[in-house]
Amino acid sequence: MLQAGLFHRIGREQDQGSVGRVWVHLTLALGTDILFVLILVTFCVRGAAKGFSGEIISLLATIGGFLLAWKLSAGVSSLILPYLPLQPGATQATALVIIYILILVAGVYAGRVVKAFLKFTHLSGIDRGMGLVAGAVKAFALLIIVYAALMALSPVLSPYWMNESFAMRLADRSWPSVQNALSSIRLLEPGSLPWHLPPSGEGESPEESEPSN
């Protein structure tokens, strides 16, 4: 069980641990793990069928599209806010979804062009093997996106059940590395996340917190 997992710390503050609630948590965790396994198998099979060329473009559209939509959603929402009778937060979410869908559609057409170009080559075996790996990476990327979305809702929905899910524990352990990688290339500002915690290197120590005399 996670001792320092982020959703574990948040969940302990929100839940009192009744028997019925524990049963619900276990059911959600098991369902999440089963769903993730099915998605992983599906993406791997599709990756092998589509080949690396098609899968890598889809992967870039999935990850890059989400990050780009996240980065541009604030600016786009300010443009469409006068035309939508929604709250600023809902408008930004709408802009994020629209941008993400447009990028995914562009990725589909780009994949068709590349696939047509590679159709005349004799690298189908290697292409399909690498496509299987790309499918697994794409499934993991989707898991990270779901994890980020659930953690964004943590003030409303308790994330404590995620502590019982293998898939969510994997995402929780991987998130610091993902966050640091995205921050290093300036695609994500950690301080903008609603559950942001300072890195372990910035932990509070008595010597640092006490004012010098």
N, C-alpha and C. Protein backbone atom coordinates (compact mmCIF):
# COMPACT_ATOMS: atom_id res chain seq x y z
N MET A 1 0.85 -1.19 0.00
CA MET A 1 0.00 0.00 0.00
C MET A 1 0.88 1.24 0.00
N LEU A 2 0.45 2.22 -0.73
CA LEU A 2 1.25 3.43 -0.81
C LEU A 2 1.29 4.12 0.54
N GLN A 3 2.46 4.55 0.92
CA GLN A 3 2.62 5.29 2.16
C GLN A 3 2.69 6.79 1.90
N ALA A 4 3.17 7.17 0.73
CA ALA A 4 3.32 8.59 0.43
C ALA A 4 2.59 8.97 -0.85
N GLY A 5 1.70 8.07 -1.33
CA GLY A 5 0.96 8.38 -2.54
C GLY A 5 0.08 9.59 -2.33
N LEU A 6 -0.04 10.39 -3.38
CA LEU A 6 -0.77 11.64 -3.26
C LEU A 6 -2.23 11.41 -2.97
N PHE A 7 -2.89 10.51 -3.76
CA PHE A 7 -4.30 10.30 -3.51
C PHE A 7 -4.53 9.58 -2.20
N HIS A 8 -3.52 8.83 -1.70
CA HIS A 8 -3.64 8.18 -0.39
C HIS A 8 -3.73 9.24 0.71
N ARG A 9 -2.90 10.28 0.62
CA ARG A 9 -2.91 11.32 1.63
C ARG A 9 -4.21 12.13 1.56
N ILE A 10 -4.65 12.42 0.34
CA ILE A 10 -5.90 13.17 0.19
C ILE A 10 -7.07 12.35 0.68
N GLY A 11 -7.09 11.05 0.30
CA GLY A 11 -8.21 10.20 0.66
C GLY A 11 -8.34 10.01 2.15
N ARG A 12 -7.24 9.93 2.86
CA ARG A 12 -7.30 9.72 4.30
C ARG A 12 -7.93 10.92 5.00
N GLU A 13 -7.82 12.07 4.39
CA GLU A 13 -8.44 13.25 4.97
C GLU A 13 -9.93 13.27 4.71
N GLN A 14 -10.40 12.56 3.67
CA GLN A 14 -11.79 12.66 3.27
C GLN A 14 -12.63 11.48 3.75
N ASP A 15 -12.05 10.31 3.91
CA ASP A 15 -12.81 9.11 4.21
C ASP A 15 -12.61 8.66 5.64
N GLN A 16 -13.66 8.06 6.22
CA GLN A 16 -13.61 7.51 7.56
C GLN A 16 -13.52 6.00 7.53
N GLY A 17 -13.75 5.38 6.38
CA GLY A 17 -13.49 3.95 6.23
C GLY A 17 -14.59 3.04 6.70
N SER A 18 -15.85 3.30 6.42
CA SER A 18 -16.92 2.37 6.75
C SER A 18 -16.81 1.14 5.88
N VAL A 19 -17.46 0.05 6.33
CA VAL A 19 -17.37 -1.22 5.60
C VAL A 19 -17.96 -1.08 4.21
N GLY A 20 -19.12 -0.42 4.11
CA GLY A 20 -19.74 -0.25 2.80
C GLY A 20 -18.88 0.57 1.86
N ARG A 21 -18.24 1.59 2.40
CA ARG A 21 -17.39 2.43 1.56
C ARG A 21 -16.15 1.68 1.11
N VAL A 22 -15.60 0.86 2.00
CA VAL A 22 -14.44 0.05 1.61
C VAL A 22 -14.82 -0.90 0.48
N TRP A 23 -16.02 -1.50 0.56
CA TRP A 23 -16.46 -2.41 -0.50
C TRP A 23 -16.59 -1.67 -1.82
N VAL A 24 -17.12 -0.46 -1.78
CA VAL A 24 -17.24 0.34 -3.00
C VAL A 24 -15.87 0.66 -3.56
N HIS A 25 -14.93 1.00 -2.68
CA HIS A 25 -13.57 1.31 -3.12
C HIS A 25 -12.93 0.11 -3.81
N LEU A 26 -13.09 -1.07 -3.22
CA LEU A 26 -12.50 -2.27 -3.81
C LEU A 26 -13.14 -2.59 -5.16
N THR A 27 -14.47 -2.38 -5.25
CA THR A 27 -15.16 -2.64 -6.52
C THR A 27 -14.68 -1.68 -7.60
N LEU A 28 -14.56 -0.40 -7.27
CA LEU A 28 -14.07 0.57 -8.23
C LEU A 28 -12.64 0.26 -8.65
N ALA A 29 -11.81 -0.13 -7.68
CA ALA A 29 -10.42 -0.43 -7.98
C ALA A 29 -10.31 -1.64 -8.91
N LEU A 30 -11.08 -2.70 -8.60
CA LEU A 30 -11.04 -3.89 -9.45
C LEU A 30 -11.55 -3.59 -10.85
N GLY A 31 -12.65 -2.83 -10.92
CA GLY A 31 -13.18 -2.47 -12.23
C GLY A 31 -12.21 -1.63 -13.03
N THR A 32 -11.51 -0.73 -12.36
CA THR A 32 -10.51 0.10 -13.04
C THR A 32 -9.37 -0.75 -13.58
N ASP A 33 -8.90 -1.70 -12.78
CA ASP A 33 -7.80 -2.56 -13.22
C ASP A 33 -8.21 -3.43 -14.41
N ILE A 34 -9.42 -3.99 -14.35
CA ILE A 34 -9.90 -4.82 -15.46
C ILE A 34 -10.03 -3.97 -16.72
N LEU A 35 -10.58 -2.77 -16.57
CA LEU A 35 -10.74 -1.89 -17.73
C LEU A 35 -9.39 -1.52 -18.32
N PHE A 36 -8.41 -1.25 -17.45
CA PHE A 36 -7.08 -0.89 -17.96
C PHE A 36 -6.44 -2.05 -18.70
N VAL A 37 -6.60 -3.28 -18.19
CA VAL A 37 -6.04 -4.45 -18.88
C VAL A 37 -6.69 -4.60 -20.25
N LEU A 38 -8.01 -4.43 -20.32
CA LEU A 38 -8.70 -4.54 -21.61
C LEU A 38 -8.21 -3.46 -22.58
N ILE A 39 -8.05 -2.25 -22.07
CA ILE A 39 -7.55 -1.17 -22.93
C ILE A 39 -6.12 -1.46 -23.38
N LEU A 40 -5.29 -1.97 -22.47
CA LEU A 40 -3.91 -2.29 -22.82
C LEU A 40 -3.85 -3.34 -23.91
N VAL A 41 -4.64 -4.42 -23.77
CA VAL A 41 -4.66 -5.47 -24.78
C VAL A 41 -5.17 -4.92 -26.11
N THR A 42 -6.24 -4.13 -26.04
CA THR A 42 -6.81 -3.57 -27.27
C THR A 42 -5.82 -2.67 -27.99
N PHE A 43 -5.15 -1.81 -27.25
CA PHE A 43 -4.18 -0.91 -27.86
C PHE A 43 -2.99 -1.67 -28.44
N CYS A 44 -2.55 -2.72 -27.75
CA CYS A 44 -1.43 -3.50 -28.26
C CYS A 44 -1.81 -4.22 -29.56
N VAL A 45 -3.01 -4.80 -29.59
CA VAL A 45 -3.47 -5.48 -30.80
C VAL A 45 -3.63 -4.48 -31.95
N ARG A 46 -4.24 -3.36 -31.65
CA ARG A 46 -4.41 -2.34 -32.69
C ARG A 46 -3.06 -1.79 -33.14
N GLY A 47 -2.13 -1.65 -32.19
CA GLY A 47 -0.80 -1.17 -32.56
C GLY A 47 -0.10 -2.11 -33.49
N ALA A 48 -0.22 -3.43 -33.21
CA ALA A 48 0.39 -4.41 -34.10
C ALA A 48 -0.27 -4.41 -35.47
N ALA A 49 -1.58 -4.18 -35.49
CA ALA A 49 -2.30 -4.17 -36.76
C ALA A 49 -2.01 -2.90 -37.57
N LYS A 50 -1.93 -1.77 -36.88
CA LYS A 50 -1.69 -0.50 -37.57
C LYS A 50 -0.23 -0.28 -37.91
N GLY A 51 0.65 -0.91 -37.14
CA GLY A 51 2.07 -0.69 -37.35
C GLY A 51 2.56 0.53 -36.59
N PHE A 52 3.88 0.60 -36.48
CA PHE A 52 4.49 1.69 -35.71
C PHE A 52 4.21 3.05 -36.34
N SER A 53 4.24 3.09 -37.65
CA SER A 53 4.06 4.38 -38.33
C SER A 53 2.72 5.01 -37.99
N GLY A 54 1.66 4.21 -38.03
CA GLY A 54 0.35 4.75 -37.70
C GLY A 54 0.17 4.96 -36.21
N GLU A 55 0.73 4.04 -35.41
CA GLU A 55 0.54 4.13 -33.96
C GLU A 55 1.31 5.29 -33.35
N ILE A 56 2.51 5.56 -33.86
CA ILE A 56 3.29 6.65 -33.27
C ILE A 56 2.64 8.00 -33.55
N ILE A 57 2.03 8.14 -34.71
CA ILE A 57 1.32 9.38 -35.00
C ILE A 57 0.11 9.51 -34.09
N SER A 58 -0.59 8.40 -33.90
CA SER A 58 -1.73 8.42 -32.99
C SER A 58 -1.29 8.72 -31.56
N LEU A 59 -0.13 8.15 -31.18
CA LEU A 59 0.40 8.40 -29.84
C LEU A 59 0.76 9.87 -29.66
N LEU A 60 1.42 10.45 -30.65
CA LEU A 60 1.79 11.86 -30.57
C LEU A 60 0.55 12.74 -30.52
N ALA A 61 -0.47 12.36 -31.29
CA ALA A 61 -1.70 13.14 -31.26
C ALA A 61 -2.40 13.03 -29.92
N THR A 62 -2.35 11.83 -29.31
CA THR A 62 -3.01 11.63 -28.02
C THR A 62 -2.32 12.42 -26.91
N ILE A 63 -1.00 12.27 -26.82
CA ILE A 63 -0.25 12.95 -25.75
C ILE A 63 -0.06 14.42 -26.07
N GLY A 64 0.51 14.68 -27.26
CA GLY A 64 0.76 16.07 -27.63
C GLY A 64 -0.51 16.88 -27.76
N GLY A 65 -1.57 16.23 -28.24
CA GLY A 65 -2.84 16.94 -28.37
C GLY A 65 -3.38 17.37 -27.02
N PHE A 66 -3.29 16.47 -26.04
CA PHE A 66 -3.77 16.82 -24.70
C PHE A 66 -2.94 17.94 -24.09
N LEU A 67 -1.62 17.84 -24.22
CA LEU A 67 -0.75 18.87 -23.64
C LEU A 67 -0.94 20.21 -24.34
N LEU A 68 -1.03 20.16 -25.67
CA LEU A 68 -1.23 21.40 -26.42
C LEU A 68 -2.59 22.01 -26.11
N ALA A 69 -3.61 21.15 -26.01
CA ALA A 69 -4.94 21.65 -25.66
C ALA A 69 -4.94 22.27 -24.27
N TRP A 70 -4.24 21.62 -23.35
CA TRP A 70 -4.13 22.16 -21.99
C TRP A 70 -3.44 23.53 -22.01
N LYS A 71 -2.41 23.64 -22.82
CA LYS A 71 -1.62 24.88 -22.86
C LYS A 71 -2.38 26.01 -23.54
N LEU A 72 -3.18 25.68 -24.57
CA LEU A 72 -3.86 26.71 -25.35
C LEU A 72 -5.28 26.99 -24.87
N SER A 73 -5.82 26.14 -24.01
CA SER A 73 -7.23 26.25 -23.64
C SER A 73 -7.55 27.59 -22.97
N ALA A 74 -6.62 28.10 -22.16
CA ALA A 74 -6.88 29.37 -21.46
C ALA A 74 -7.03 30.51 -22.46
N GLY A 75 -6.11 30.58 -23.44
CA GLY A 75 -6.19 31.65 -24.42
C GLY A 75 -7.41 31.53 -25.32
N VAL A 76 -7.72 30.30 -25.75
CA VAL A 76 -8.88 30.11 -26.62
C VAL A 76 -10.17 30.39 -25.86
N SER A 77 -10.23 30.00 -24.59
CA SER A 77 -11.45 30.23 -23.81
C SER A 77 -11.74 31.72 -23.66
N SER A 78 -10.69 32.54 -23.56
CA SER A 78 -10.91 33.99 -23.46
C SER A 78 -11.51 34.56 -24.75
N LEU A 79 -11.26 33.89 -25.88
CA LEU A 79 -11.81 34.35 -27.15
C LEU A 79 -13.27 33.95 -27.33
N ILE A 80 -13.62 32.76 -26.84
CA ILE A 80 -14.99 32.27 -27.04
C ILE A 80 -15.89 32.56 -25.85
N LEU A 81 -15.33 33.08 -24.76
CA LEU A 81 -16.13 33.36 -23.57
C LEU A 81 -17.30 34.30 -23.84
N PRO A 82 -17.13 35.37 -24.65
CA PRO A 82 -18.27 36.26 -24.91
C PRO A 82 -19.41 35.59 -25.66
N TYR A 83 -19.15 34.47 -26.32
CA TYR A 83 -20.18 33.83 -27.14
C TYR A 83 -20.82 32.62 -26.46
N LEU A 84 -20.33 32.23 -25.30
CA LEU A 84 -20.87 31.08 -24.59
C LEU A 84 -21.37 31.50 -23.21
N PRO A 85 -22.62 31.19 -22.89
CA PRO A 85 -23.16 31.56 -21.57
C PRO A 85 -22.71 30.57 -20.49
N LEU A 86 -21.41 30.45 -20.31
CA LEU A 86 -20.86 29.50 -19.35
C LEU A 86 -19.90 30.21 -18.41
N GLN A 87 -19.63 29.53 -17.31
CA GLN A 87 -18.63 30.03 -16.38
C GLN A 87 -17.24 29.92 -17.01
N PRO A 88 -16.28 30.72 -16.58
CA PRO A 88 -14.93 30.67 -17.18
C PRO A 88 -14.31 29.28 -17.14
N GLY A 89 -14.50 28.55 -16.02
CA GLY A 89 -13.94 27.20 -15.94
C GLY A 89 -14.56 26.26 -16.95
N ALA A 90 -15.88 26.34 -17.12
CA ALA A 90 -16.55 25.48 -18.10
C ALA A 90 -16.16 25.86 -19.52
N THR A 91 -15.97 27.15 -19.76
CA THR A 91 -15.54 27.60 -21.09
C THR A 91 -14.15 27.08 -21.42
N GLN A 92 -13.25 27.10 -20.45
CA GLN A 92 -11.90 26.60 -20.68
C GLN A 92 -11.93 25.09 -20.93
N ALA A 93 -12.78 24.36 -20.20
CA ALA A 93 -12.90 22.93 -20.43
C ALA A 93 -13.44 22.64 -21.82
N THR A 94 -14.41 23.45 -22.28
CA THR A 94 -14.95 23.29 -23.63
C THR A 94 -13.88 23.55 -24.68
N ALA A 95 -13.10 24.60 -24.48
CA ALA A 95 -12.01 24.90 -25.41
C ALA A 95 -10.99 23.78 -25.45
N LEU A 96 -10.68 23.22 -24.29
CA LEU A 96 -9.72 22.11 -24.24
C LEU A 96 -10.22 20.92 -25.06
N VAL A 97 -11.50 20.57 -24.89
CA VAL A 97 -12.06 19.43 -25.62
C VAL A 97 -12.05 19.69 -27.12
N ILE A 98 -12.44 20.90 -27.54
CA ILE A 98 -12.48 21.22 -28.97
C ILE A 98 -11.09 21.13 -29.59
N ILE A 99 -10.11 21.73 -28.93
CA ILE A 99 -8.74 21.69 -29.46
C ILE A 99 -8.23 20.25 -29.53
N TYR A 100 -8.52 19.48 -28.50
CA TYR A 100 -8.05 18.09 -28.46
C TYR A 100 -8.65 17.28 -29.60
N ILE A 101 -9.94 17.45 -29.86
CA ILE A 101 -10.60 16.71 -30.94
C ILE A 101 -10.02 17.10 -32.30
N LEU A 102 -9.79 18.38 -32.51
CA LEU A 102 -9.22 18.83 -33.79
C LEU A 102 -7.83 18.24 -34.02
N ILE A 103 -7.03 18.17 -32.96
CA ILE A 103 -5.69 17.60 -33.11
C ILE A 103 -5.77 16.11 -33.40
N LEU A 104 -6.70 15.41 -32.76
CA LEU A 104 -6.86 13.98 -33.02
C LEU A 104 -7.28 13.73 -34.47
N VAL A 105 -8.19 14.55 -34.99
CA VAL A 105 -8.61 14.40 -36.39
C VAL A 105 -7.44 14.66 -37.33
N ALA A 106 -6.64 15.68 -37.04
CA ALA A 106 -5.46 15.95 -37.86
C ALA A 106 -4.49 14.79 -37.82
N GLY A 107 -4.36 14.15 -36.65
CA GLY A 107 -3.48 12.99 -36.53
C GLY A 107 -3.94 11.82 -37.37
N VAL A 108 -5.26 11.63 -37.47
CA VAL A 108 -5.80 10.54 -38.29
C VAL A 108 -5.41 10.72 -39.75
N TYR A 109 -5.58 11.91 -40.27
CA TYR A 109 -5.25 12.16 -41.68
C TYR A 109 -3.75 12.08 -41.92
N ALA A 110 -2.96 12.55 -40.97
CA ALA A 110 -1.50 12.43 -41.12
C ALA A 110 -1.07 10.97 -41.13
N GLY A 111 -1.72 10.15 -40.31
CA GLY A 111 -1.40 8.73 -40.29
C GLY A 111 -1.72 8.05 -41.61
N ARG A 112 -2.81 8.43 -42.24
CA ARG A 112 -3.16 7.84 -43.53
C ARG A 112 -2.13 8.19 -44.60
N VAL A 113 -1.64 9.41 -44.56
CA VAL A 113 -0.64 9.82 -45.55
C VAL A 113 0.65 9.03 -45.37
N VAL A 114 1.10 8.90 -44.12
CA VAL A 114 2.34 8.16 -43.85
C VAL A 114 2.18 6.69 -44.18
N LYS A 115 1.02 6.11 -43.85
CA LYS A 115 0.79 4.70 -44.13
C LYS A 115 0.80 4.42 -45.62
N ALA A 116 0.24 5.34 -46.39
CA ALA A 116 0.25 5.17 -47.84
C ALA A 116 1.67 5.23 -48.38
N PHE A 117 2.51 6.06 -47.77
CA PHE A 117 3.89 6.17 -48.21
C PHE A 117 4.69 4.90 -47.88
N LEU A 118 4.44 4.32 -46.70
CA LEU A 118 5.18 3.13 -46.28
C LEU A 118 4.62 1.83 -46.84
N LYS A 119 3.53 1.92 -47.55
CA LYS A 119 2.90 0.72 -48.09
C LYS A 119 3.80 0.03 -49.10
N PHE A 120 4.68 0.78 -49.72
CA PHE A 120 5.54 0.22 -50.76
C PHE A 120 6.87 -0.29 -50.21
N THR A 121 7.06 -0.23 -48.90
CA THR A 121 8.28 -0.74 -48.28
C THR A 121 8.10 -2.18 -47.84
N HIS A 122 9.19 -2.82 -47.39
CA HIS A 122 9.15 -4.21 -46.93
C HIS A 122 9.56 -4.30 -45.46
N LEU A 123 9.06 -3.40 -44.66
CA LEU A 123 9.38 -3.37 -43.23
C LEU A 123 8.14 -3.60 -42.38
N SER A 124 7.20 -4.38 -42.91
CA SER A 124 5.93 -4.56 -42.20
C SER A 124 6.10 -5.30 -40.88
N GLY A 125 7.00 -6.30 -40.83
CA GLY A 125 7.19 -7.06 -39.59
C GLY A 125 7.73 -6.20 -38.46
N ILE A 126 8.79 -5.46 -38.75
CA ILE A 126 9.36 -4.57 -37.75
C ILE A 126 8.37 -3.47 -37.40
N ASP A 127 7.68 -2.98 -38.40
CA ASP A 127 6.72 -1.91 -38.17
C ASP A 127 5.61 -2.37 -37.23
N ARG A 128 5.15 -3.61 -37.39
CA ARG A 128 4.07 -4.11 -36.53
C ARG A 128 4.57 -4.41 -35.12
N GLY A 129 5.78 -4.94 -35.01
CA GLY A 129 6.34 -5.20 -33.68
C GLY A 129 6.51 -3.91 -32.89
N MET A 130 7.02 -2.90 -33.54
CA MET A 130 7.17 -1.61 -32.87
C MET A 130 5.82 -0.96 -32.62
N GLY A 131 4.85 -1.27 -33.47
CA GLY A 131 3.50 -0.76 -33.24
C GLY A 131 2.87 -1.34 -31.99
N LEU A 132 3.17 -2.60 -31.68
CA LEU A 132 2.68 -3.21 -30.44
C LEU A 132 3.22 -2.48 -29.23
N VAL A 133 4.51 -2.16 -29.25
CA VAL A 133 5.12 -1.42 -28.14
C VAL A 133 4.50 -0.02 -28.03
N ALA A 134 4.29 0.61 -29.17
CA ALA A 134 3.69 1.94 -29.15
C ALA A 134 2.27 1.89 -28.60
N GLY A 135 1.55 0.80 -28.87
CA GLY A 135 0.21 0.65 -28.32
C GLY A 135 0.23 0.57 -26.80
N ALA A 136 1.22 -0.13 -26.25
CA ALA A 136 1.35 -0.21 -24.79
C ALA A 136 1.65 1.16 -24.20
N VAL A 137 2.53 1.91 -24.86
CA VAL A 137 2.85 3.26 -24.38
C VAL A 137 1.62 4.17 -24.45
N LYS A 138 0.84 4.00 -25.48
CA LYS A 138 -0.38 4.80 -25.62
C LYS A 138 -1.37 4.49 -24.51
N ALA A 139 -1.49 3.21 -24.14
CA ALA A 139 -2.37 2.84 -23.04
C ALA A 139 -1.90 3.46 -21.73
N PHE A 140 -0.58 3.48 -21.52
CA PHE A 140 -0.04 4.10 -20.31
C PHE A 140 -0.30 5.60 -20.31
N ALA A 141 -0.16 6.23 -21.47
CA ALA A 141 -0.44 7.66 -21.56
C ALA A 141 -1.89 7.96 -21.22
N LEU A 142 -2.80 7.11 -21.69
CA LEU A 142 -4.21 7.29 -21.36
C LEU A 142 -4.45 7.13 -19.87
N LEU A 143 -3.74 6.18 -19.26
CA LEU A 143 -3.85 5.99 -17.81
C LEU A 143 -3.41 7.24 -17.06
N ILE A 144 -2.31 7.86 -17.49
CA ILE A 144 -1.83 9.07 -16.85
C ILE A 144 -2.84 10.21 -17.01
N ILE A 145 -3.46 10.31 -18.18
CA ILE A 145 -4.46 11.35 -18.41
C ILE A 145 -5.66 11.15 -17.50
N VAL A 146 -6.13 9.90 -17.38
CA VAL A 146 -7.26 9.60 -16.49
C VAL A 146 -6.89 9.91 -15.04
N TYR A 147 -5.67 9.54 -14.66
CA TYR A 147 -5.20 9.83 -13.30
C TYR A 147 -5.21 11.33 -13.02
N ALA A 148 -4.70 12.12 -13.98
CA ALA A 148 -4.67 13.57 -13.80
C ALA A 148 -6.08 14.14 -13.69
N ALA A 149 -7.01 13.61 -14.51
CA ALA A 149 -8.39 14.10 -14.46
C ALA A 149 -9.04 13.76 -13.12
N LEU A 150 -8.82 12.54 -12.63
CA LEU A 150 -9.41 12.14 -11.35
C LEU A 150 -8.83 12.96 -10.20
N MET A 151 -7.52 13.23 -10.25
CA MET A 151 -6.91 14.01 -9.19
C MET A 151 -7.38 15.46 -9.23
N ALA A 152 -7.70 15.96 -10.43
CA ALA A 152 -8.24 17.31 -10.53
C ALA A 152 -9.60 17.41 -9.86
N LEU A 153 -10.32 16.28 -9.80
CA LEU A 153 -11.64 16.24 -9.16
C LEU A 153 -11.55 15.82 -7.70
N SER A 154 -10.35 15.68 -7.16
CA SER A 154 -10.19 15.18 -5.79
C SER A 154 -10.88 16.04 -4.74
N PRO A 155 -11.01 17.38 -4.91
CA PRO A 155 -11.76 18.13 -3.90
C PRO A 155 -13.24 17.78 -3.86
N VAL A 156 -13.76 17.18 -4.95
CA VAL A 156 -15.18 16.84 -5.02
C VAL A 156 -15.40 15.35 -4.82
N LEU A 157 -14.61 14.53 -5.51
CA LEU A 157 -14.74 13.08 -5.43
C LEU A 157 -13.52 12.51 -4.71
N SER A 158 -13.78 11.71 -3.69
CA SER A 158 -12.68 11.15 -2.93
C SER A 158 -11.86 10.19 -3.78
N PRO A 159 -10.54 10.35 -3.82
CA PRO A 159 -9.68 9.46 -4.61
C PRO A 159 -9.12 8.30 -3.80
N TYR A 160 -9.62 8.07 -2.57
CA TYR A 160 -9.02 7.06 -1.72
C TYR A 160 -9.12 5.66 -2.32
N TRP A 161 -10.20 5.39 -3.09
CA TRP A 161 -10.37 4.07 -3.70
C TRP A 161 -9.22 3.75 -4.66
N MET A 162 -8.58 4.79 -5.21
CA MET A 162 -7.51 4.58 -6.17
C MET A 162 -6.31 3.89 -5.53
N ASN A 163 -6.22 3.98 -4.20
CA ASN A 163 -5.12 3.34 -3.49
C ASN A 163 -5.18 1.82 -3.59
N GLU A 164 -6.38 1.28 -3.88
CA GLU A 164 -6.56 -0.17 -3.99
C GLU A 164 -6.41 -0.66 -5.43
N SER A 165 -6.22 0.24 -6.36
CA SER A 165 -6.12 -0.12 -7.78
C SER A 165 -4.67 -0.21 -8.19
N PHE A 166 -4.29 -1.32 -8.80
CA PHE A 166 -2.92 -1.47 -9.28
C PHE A 166 -2.61 -0.45 -10.36
N ALA A 167 -3.56 -0.24 -11.27
CA ALA A 167 -3.34 0.71 -12.36
C ALA A 167 -3.14 2.13 -11.83
N MET A 168 -3.96 2.53 -10.85
CA MET A 168 -3.83 3.87 -10.30
C MET A 168 -2.58 4.01 -9.45
N ARG A 169 -2.17 2.94 -8.77
CA ARG A 169 -0.91 3.00 -8.02
C ARG A 169 0.27 3.16 -8.98
N LEU A 170 0.19 2.48 -10.13
CA LEU A 170 1.23 2.63 -11.14
C LEU A 170 1.28 4.07 -11.64
N ALA A 171 0.12 4.65 -11.89
CA ALA A 171 0.07 6.04 -12.35
C ALA A 171 0.58 6.99 -11.27
N ASP A 172 0.25 6.70 -10.02
CA ASP A 172 0.69 7.56 -8.92
C ASP A 172 2.20 7.54 -8.76
N ARG A 173 2.80 6.35 -8.90
CA ARG A 173 4.25 6.25 -8.79
C ARG A 173 4.94 6.91 -9.98
N SER A 174 4.30 6.85 -11.14
CA SER A 174 4.91 7.40 -12.35
C SER A 174 4.71 8.90 -12.48
N TRP A 175 3.70 9.45 -11.82
CA TRP A 175 3.36 10.85 -12.03
C TRP A 175 4.49 11.82 -11.71
N PRO A 176 5.24 11.67 -10.60
CA PRO A 176 6.32 12.63 -10.36
C PRO A 176 7.32 12.71 -11.51
N SER A 177 7.68 11.56 -12.09
CA SER A 177 8.61 11.57 -13.22
C SER A 177 7.98 12.22 -14.43
N VAL A 178 6.69 11.93 -14.67
CA VAL A 178 5.99 12.54 -15.80
C VAL A 178 5.90 14.05 -15.60
N GLN A 179 5.55 14.46 -14.39
CA GLN A 179 5.42 15.89 -14.11
C GLN A 179 6.74 16.61 -14.27
N ASN A 180 7.83 16.01 -13.78
CA ASN A 180 9.14 16.64 -13.92
C ASN A 180 9.56 16.73 -15.38
N ALA A 181 9.26 15.66 -16.15
CA ALA A 181 9.62 15.67 -17.57
C ALA A 181 8.86 16.75 -18.32
N LEU A 182 7.56 16.86 -18.05
CA LEU A 182 6.76 17.88 -18.73
C LEU A 182 7.16 19.28 -18.30
N SER A 183 7.51 19.42 -17.03
CA SER A 183 7.93 20.74 -16.55
C SER A 183 9.27 21.15 -17.15
N SER A 184 10.16 20.17 -17.35
CA SER A 184 11.48 20.49 -17.88
C SER A 184 11.42 21.02 -19.31
N ILE A 185 10.40 20.59 -20.06
CA ILE A 185 10.25 21.09 -21.42
C ILE A 185 9.16 22.15 -21.51
N ARG A 186 8.73 22.62 -20.34
CA ARG A 186 7.79 23.74 -20.22
C ARG A 186 6.45 23.48 -20.90
N LEU A 187 6.00 22.23 -20.86
CA LEU A 187 4.67 21.90 -21.37
C LEU A 187 3.63 21.88 -20.26
N LEU A 188 4.10 21.91 -19.02
CA LEU A 188 3.17 21.84 -17.90
C LEU A 188 3.77 22.62 -16.74
N GLU A 189 2.98 23.49 -16.15
CA GLU A 189 3.40 24.24 -14.98
C GLU A 189 2.84 23.54 -13.75
N PRO A 190 3.67 22.90 -12.92
CA PRO A 190 3.16 22.16 -11.76
C PRO A 190 2.31 23.00 -10.84
N GLY A 191 2.65 24.27 -10.66
CA GLY A 191 1.88 25.10 -9.76
C GLY A 191 0.45 25.31 -10.20
N SER A 192 0.14 25.04 -11.49
CA SER A 192 -1.23 25.22 -11.97
C SER A 192 -2.12 24.05 -11.64
N LEU A 193 -1.53 22.94 -11.19
CA LEU A 193 -2.33 21.77 -10.87
C LEU A 193 -2.97 21.94 -9.50
N PRO A 194 -4.25 21.52 -9.36
CA PRO A 194 -4.95 21.73 -8.09
C PRO A 194 -4.40 20.89 -6.95
N TRP A 195 -3.65 19.83 -7.25
CA TRP A 195 -3.13 18.98 -6.18
C TRP A 195 -1.61 19.06 -6.09
N HIS A 196 -1.03 20.12 -6.64
CA HIS A 196 0.43 20.23 -6.70
C HIS A 196 1.02 20.23 -5.31
N LEU A 197 2.06 19.41 -5.13
CA LEU A 197 2.86 19.41 -3.92
C LEU A 197 4.30 19.70 -4.31
N PRO A 198 5.07 20.36 -3.46
CA PRO A 198 6.47 20.63 -3.80
C PRO A 198 7.25 19.36 -3.89
N PRO A 199 8.29 19.29 -4.74
CA PRO A 199 9.13 18.11 -4.83
C PRO A 199 9.75 17.79 -3.50
N SER A 200 10.20 16.52 -3.37
CA SER A 200 10.76 16.07 -2.10
C SER A 200 11.97 16.89 -1.71
N GLY A 201 12.71 17.38 -2.68
CA GLY A 201 13.88 18.19 -2.38
C GLY A 201 13.55 19.53 -1.76
N GLU A 202 12.24 19.91 -1.89
CA GLU A 202 11.82 21.18 -1.33
C GLU A 202 11.03 20.99 -0.05
N GLY A 203 11.25 19.87 0.59
CA GLY A 203 10.50 19.57 1.80
C GLY A 203 10.80 20.56 2.90
N GLU A 204 9.86 20.65 3.82
CA GLU A 204 10.01 21.58 4.91
C GLU A 204 10.91 20.98 5.97
N SER A 205 11.90 21.69 6.38
CA SER A 205 12.76 21.26 7.46
C SER A 205 12.76 22.32 8.54
N PRO A 206 12.95 21.91 9.79
CA PRO A 206 12.92 22.90 10.87
C PRO A 206 13.93 24.00 10.67
N GLU A 207 15.13 23.64 10.14
CA GLU A 207 16.16 24.65 9.97
C GLU A 207 15.76 25.68 8.95
N GLU A 208 15.07 25.21 7.85
CA GLU A 208 14.71 26.13 6.78
C GLU A 208 13.49 26.96 7.15
N SER A 209 12.56 26.36 7.93
CA SER A 209 11.32 27.05 8.23
C SER A 209 11.47 28.08 9.33
N GLU A 210 12.50 27.91 10.22
CA GLU A 210 12.68 28.84 11.31
C GLU A 210 13.44 30.06 10.81
N PRO A 211 12.97 31.25 11.16
CA PRO A 211 13.70 32.46 10.74
C PRO A 211 15.02 32.56 11.47
N SER A 212 16.00 33.06 10.75
CA SER A 212 17.31 33.22 11.35
C SER A 212 17.32 34.41 12.27
N ASN A 213 18.04 34.27 13.36
CA ASN A 213 18.14 35.35 14.35
C ASN A 213 19.38 36.20 14.05
